[in-house]
Protein backbone atom coordinates (compact mmCIF):
# COMPACT_ATOMS: atom_id res chain seq x y z
CA UNK A 1 -0.12 -25.49 -56.00
CA UNK A 2 0.67 -22.74 -53.64
CA UNK A 3 -2.20 -20.82 -52.25
CA UNK A 4 -2.36 -17.25 -53.63
CA UNK A 5 -2.68 -15.76 -50.54
CA UNK A 6 0.60 -17.00 -49.71
CA UNK A 7 2.48 -15.91 -52.63
CA UNK A 8 1.22 -12.35 -51.82
CA UNK A 9 2.61 -12.52 -48.48
CA UNK A 10 -0.61 -12.71 -46.58
CA UNK A 11 -1.65 -15.54 -44.18
CA UNK A 12 -4.57 -17.93 -45.28
CA UNK A 13 -7.33 -17.89 -43.05
CA UNK A 14 -6.07 -21.09 -41.18
CA UNK A 15 -2.72 -19.48 -40.34
CA UNK A 16 -4.48 -16.24 -39.43
CA UNK A 17 -6.83 -18.02 -36.99
CA UNK A 18 -3.56 -19.73 -35.52
CA UNK A 19 -1.80 -16.40 -34.78
CA UNK A 20 -5.13 -15.03 -33.32
CA UNK A 21 -5.57 -18.03 -31.06
CA UNK A 22 -1.99 -17.80 -29.87
CA UNK A 23 -2.02 -14.08 -29.26
CA UNK A 24 -5.43 -14.44 -27.56
CA UNK A 25 -3.86 -17.02 -24.98
CA UNK A 26 -0.75 -14.89 -24.17
CA UNK A 27 -3.08 -12.05 -23.64
CA UNK A 28 -5.23 -13.78 -21.35
CA UNK A 29 -2.54 -15.18 -19.56
CA UNK A 30 -0.81 -11.60 -19.05
CA UNK A 31 -4.05 -10.48 -17.70
CA UNK A 32 -4.46 -13.45 -15.16
CA UNK A 33 -0.96 -12.91 -14.23
CA UNK A 34 -1.36 -9.11 -13.72
CA UNK A 35 -4.34 -9.64 -11.52
CA UNK A 36 -3.74 -12.70 -9.55
CA UNK A 37 -0.05 -13.14 -9.63
CA UNK A 38 1.62 -16.36 -11.03
CA UNK A 39 0.88 -18.83 -8.21
CA UNK A 40 -2.88 -18.20 -7.99
CA UNK A 41 -3.42 -18.08 -11.80
CA UNK A 42 -4.50 -21.53 -13.25
CA UNK A 43 -4.74 -22.74 -16.71
CA UNK A 44 -8.47 -22.94 -16.63
CA UNK A 45 -8.53 -19.16 -15.59
CA UNK A 46 -6.39 -18.40 -18.57
CA UNK A 47 -8.52 -20.59 -21.27
CA UNK A 48 -11.64 -19.43 -20.00
CA UNK A 49 -10.45 -15.63 -20.32
CA UNK A 50 -9.20 -16.42 -23.79
CA UNK A 51 -12.27 -18.17 -24.86
CA UNK A 52 -10.12 -21.28 -25.89
CA UNK A 53 -9.86 -24.69 -25.00
CA UNK A 54 -7.13 -26.34 -23.00
CA UNK A 55 -6.06 -28.20 -26.07
CA UNK A 56 -5.39 -25.10 -27.99
CA UNK A 57 -3.23 -23.67 -25.32
CA UNK A 58 -1.21 -26.91 -24.94
CA UNK A 59 -0.88 -26.76 -28.81
CA UNK A 60 1.25 -23.70 -28.55
CA UNK A 61 2.59 -23.94 -24.67
CA UNK A 62 3.52 -27.04 -22.82
CA UNK A 63 2.93 -25.27 -19.36
CA UNK A 64 2.02 -22.23 -17.35
CA UNK A 65 5.91 -21.59 -16.98
CA UNK A 66 6.22 -21.42 -20.81
CA UNK A 67 3.42 -18.63 -20.84
CA UNK A 68 5.22 -16.70 -18.34
CA UNK A 69 8.54 -16.99 -20.01
CA UNK A 70 6.78 -15.80 -23.39
CA UNK A 71 5.45 -12.99 -21.71
CA UNK A 72 8.70 -11.98 -20.02
CA UNK A 73 10.43 -12.36 -23.15
CA UNK A 74 8.27 -9.90 -25.07
CA UNK A 75 9.04 -6.73 -22.81
CA UNK A 76 11.85 -5.25 -24.74
CA UNK A 77 10.59 -6.05 -28.25
CA UNK A 78 7.29 -4.17 -27.31
CA UNK A 79 9.21 -0.82 -27.84
CA UNK A 80 10.92 -1.76 -30.82
CA UNK A 81 8.41 -0.27 -33.28
CA UNK A 82 9.51 3.13 -32.02
CA UNK A 83 10.70 5.61 -34.90
CA UNK A 84 14.50 6.78 -35.03
CA UNK A 85 15.06 10.13 -33.83
CA UNK A 86 17.62 12.72 -34.39
CA UNK A 87 19.56 11.92 -31.42
CA UNK A 88 19.79 8.83 -29.50
CA UNK A 89 18.98 10.56 -26.02
CA UNK A 90 15.78 11.62 -27.56
CA UNK A 91 15.00 7.73 -28.42
CA UNK A 92 15.88 6.70 -24.89
CA UNK A 93 13.36 9.37 -23.70
CA UNK A 94 10.75 8.05 -26.19
CA UNK A 95 11.16 4.50 -24.77
CA UNK A 96 10.30 5.47 -21.34
CA UNK A 97 7.23 7.49 -22.53
CA UNK A 98 5.97 4.72 -24.91
CA UNK A 99 6.52 1.88 -22.33
CA UNK A 100 4.52 4.14 -19.78
CA UNK A 101 1.87 4.28 -22.27
CA UNK A 102 1.81 0.56 -22.64
CA UNK A 103 1.36 0.05 -19.14
CA UNK A 104 -1.85 2.03 -19.17
CA UNK A 105 -3.21 0.21 -22.04
CA UNK A 106 -1.42 -3.09 -22.75
CA UNK A 107 -1.75 -6.19 -20.69
CA UNK A 108 1.44 -7.72 -22.13
CA UNK A 109 3.26 -4.96 -20.54
CA UNK A 110 1.52 -4.97 -17.26
CA UNK A 111 1.57 -8.69 -17.26
CA UNK A 112 5.27 -8.73 -17.63
CA UNK A 113 6.03 -6.10 -15.03
CA UNK A 114 3.86 -8.28 -12.44
CA UNK A 115 5.92 -11.28 -13.32
CA UNK A 116 9.04 -9.44 -13.01
CA UNK A 117 8.64 -8.64 -9.40
CA UNK A 118 6.49 -11.68 -8.49
CA UNK A 119 8.14 -13.54 -5.48
CA UNK A 120 5.91 -16.77 -6.36
CA UNK A 121 7.75 -17.52 -9.61
CA UNK A 122 9.41 -20.81 -9.76
CA UNK A 123 13.27 -21.11 -9.97
CA UNK A 124 13.04 -22.06 -13.56
CA UNK A 125 11.76 -18.86 -14.55
CA UNK A 126 14.14 -15.77 -14.57
CA UNK A 127 12.29 -12.82 -13.41
CA UNK A 128 15.24 -10.81 -13.66
CA UNK A 129 15.78 -11.38 -17.37
CA UNK A 130 13.43 -8.10 -18.32
CA UNK A 131 15.59 -6.02 -16.23
CA UNK A 132 18.63 -7.20 -17.60
CA UNK A 133 17.49 -6.74 -21.26
CA UNK A 134 16.11 -3.16 -20.35
CA UNK A 135 19.45 -2.23 -18.96
CA UNK A 136 21.26 -3.64 -21.93
CA UNK A 137 18.89 -1.87 -24.33
CA UNK A 138 19.31 1.61 -22.47
CA UNK A 139 22.94 1.13 -22.26
CA UNK A 140 23.07 0.48 -26.18
CA UNK A 141 21.29 3.68 -26.70
CA UNK A 142 23.30 5.95 -24.41
CA UNK A 143 26.56 4.38 -25.69
CA UNK A 144 25.40 5.45 -29.18
CA UNK A 145 24.53 8.82 -27.75
CA UNK A 146 27.97 9.11 -26.22
CA UNK A 147 29.66 8.06 -29.56
CA UNK A 148 27.37 10.99 -31.28
CA UNK A 149 28.99 13.34 -28.77
CA UNK A 150 25.83 14.14 -27.19
CA UNK A 151 26.72 13.28 -23.56
CA UNK A 152 28.63 14.81 -21.07
CA UNK A 153 31.94 13.27 -20.50
CA UNK A 154 31.32 12.65 -16.98
CA UNK A 155 28.13 10.52 -17.69
CA UNK A 156 29.04 6.80 -17.93
CA UNK A 157 26.40 4.86 -20.24
CA UNK A 158 26.22 1.75 -18.18
CA UNK A 159 25.65 3.55 -14.82
CA UNK A 160 23.08 5.84 -16.44
CA UNK A 161 21.40 2.76 -17.61
CA UNK A 162 21.29 0.98 -14.64
CA UNK A 163 20.29 4.00 -12.64
CA UNK A 164 17.31 4.78 -15.09
CA UNK A 165 16.07 1.23 -15.20
CA UNK A 166 15.84 1.17 -11.55
CA UNK A 167 14.16 4.88 -11.34
CA UNK A 168 11.62 3.95 -13.74
CA UNK A 169 10.64 0.62 -12.08
CA UNK A 170 10.32 2.40 -8.75
CA UNK A 171 8.34 5.43 -10.35
CA UNK A 172 5.80 3.06 -12.39
CA UNK A 173 5.26 0.90 -9.32
CA UNK A 174 4.56 3.91 -7.21
CA UNK A 175 2.25 5.19 -9.96
CA UNK A 176 0.51 2.15 -10.08
CA UNK A 177 -0.22 2.15 -6.35
CA UNK A 178 -1.13 5.93 -5.85
CA UNK A 179 -3.14 6.65 -9.18
CA UNK A 180 -3.21 3.48 -11.35
CA UNK A 181 -0.47 4.75 -13.55
CA UNK A 182 -2.63 7.82 -14.73
CA UNK A 183 -0.01 10.19 -13.93
CA UNK A 184 2.79 8.17 -15.01
CA UNK A 185 3.60 10.27 -18.02
CA UNK A 186 4.00 13.41 -15.64
CA UNK A 187 6.24 11.42 -13.29
CA UNK A 188 8.50 10.08 -16.06
CA UNK A 189 8.68 13.81 -17.31
CA UNK A 190 10.08 14.92 -13.59
CA UNK A 191 12.50 12.12 -13.79
CA UNK A 192 13.94 13.27 -17.11
CA UNK A 193 14.01 16.72 -15.82
CA UNK A 194 16.26 15.95 -12.99
CA UNK A 195 18.59 13.43 -14.73
CA UNK A 196 18.89 15.25 -18.38
CA UNK A 197 21.17 18.19 -17.07
CA UNK A 198 23.56 15.50 -15.62
CA UNK A 199 23.98 13.48 -18.77
CA UNK A 200 23.27 15.67 -21.78
CA UNK A 201 25.23 18.50 -23.41
CA UNK A 202 23.73 21.80 -22.51
CA UNK A 203 23.41 22.62 -26.21
CA UNK A 204 21.32 19.61 -26.80
CA UNK A 205 18.88 20.34 -24.03
CA UNK A 206 16.39 22.79 -25.71
CA UNK A 207 15.82 20.31 -28.54
CA UNK A 208 14.73 17.32 -26.24
CA UNK A 209 11.16 16.57 -25.89
CA UNK A 210 10.44 15.08 -22.60
CA UNK A 211 7.02 16.79 -21.85
CA UNK A 212 4.18 14.90 -20.15
CA UNK A 213 2.57 14.60 -23.58
CA UNK A 214 5.30 13.40 -25.54
CA UNK A 215 3.54 10.39 -26.95
CA UNK A 216 1.39 12.69 -28.80
CA UNK A 217 4.37 13.91 -31.13
CA UNK A 218 5.89 10.40 -31.54
CA UNK A 219 5.35 9.73 -35.33
CA UNK A 220 4.93 5.87 -36.14
CA UNK A 221 5.25 4.75 -39.57
CA UNK A 222 1.92 4.88 -41.30
CA UNK A 223 1.81 0.97 -41.52
CA UNK A 224 1.81 0.83 -37.71
CA UNK A 225 -0.66 3.61 -37.14
CA UNK A 226 -3.56 1.23 -36.61
CA UNK A 227 -1.54 -1.50 -34.64
CA UNK A 228 0.22 0.82 -32.30
CA UNK A 229 -1.43 0.83 -28.92
């Protein structure tokens, strides 16, 4: 007989425990990678931080490399819970503020960023993959903004995407060094203040929200309110 909790769409206790164990291991790995880097992090450090056994770790991941790949692969999906906005340019703005927020509070985001610039990564791990994914995601949003007729004809979506991802990367790293990313929202605000006049139609500008406290006005679906960082 099928478990009643399964028919209702809920996980049974064993399934829930498995999900929580895997998530704890990934989170601990991200925290260790962020603090110590890939080469210096050991599986013992990860399992101790997660409060799990090596057997549990090996059940989900074959190696430290697999854990690093998992964390790197989660960077863009972290922002996919963002709600739709009236313009794709606003959605692009919201992505930068939301990821800036995640870099302040979420080990997965911080660990992924550290791994992506870690010179100690083995060749089998593509540290550039998140950058390519971010550029592709930004180009998609900006391409849609162009199709909506909201971008200046002189603004090329691919060029703007590459420039914005490069600028964001440099700004968030600088913010980490100078103020532990506490001033990152303000720095992102300044970036958009400089960039938007060169890409957005003048008539669109008054309706765009890129103030440092933009996160306070992003309305997540009610079901995600408790889960959103």
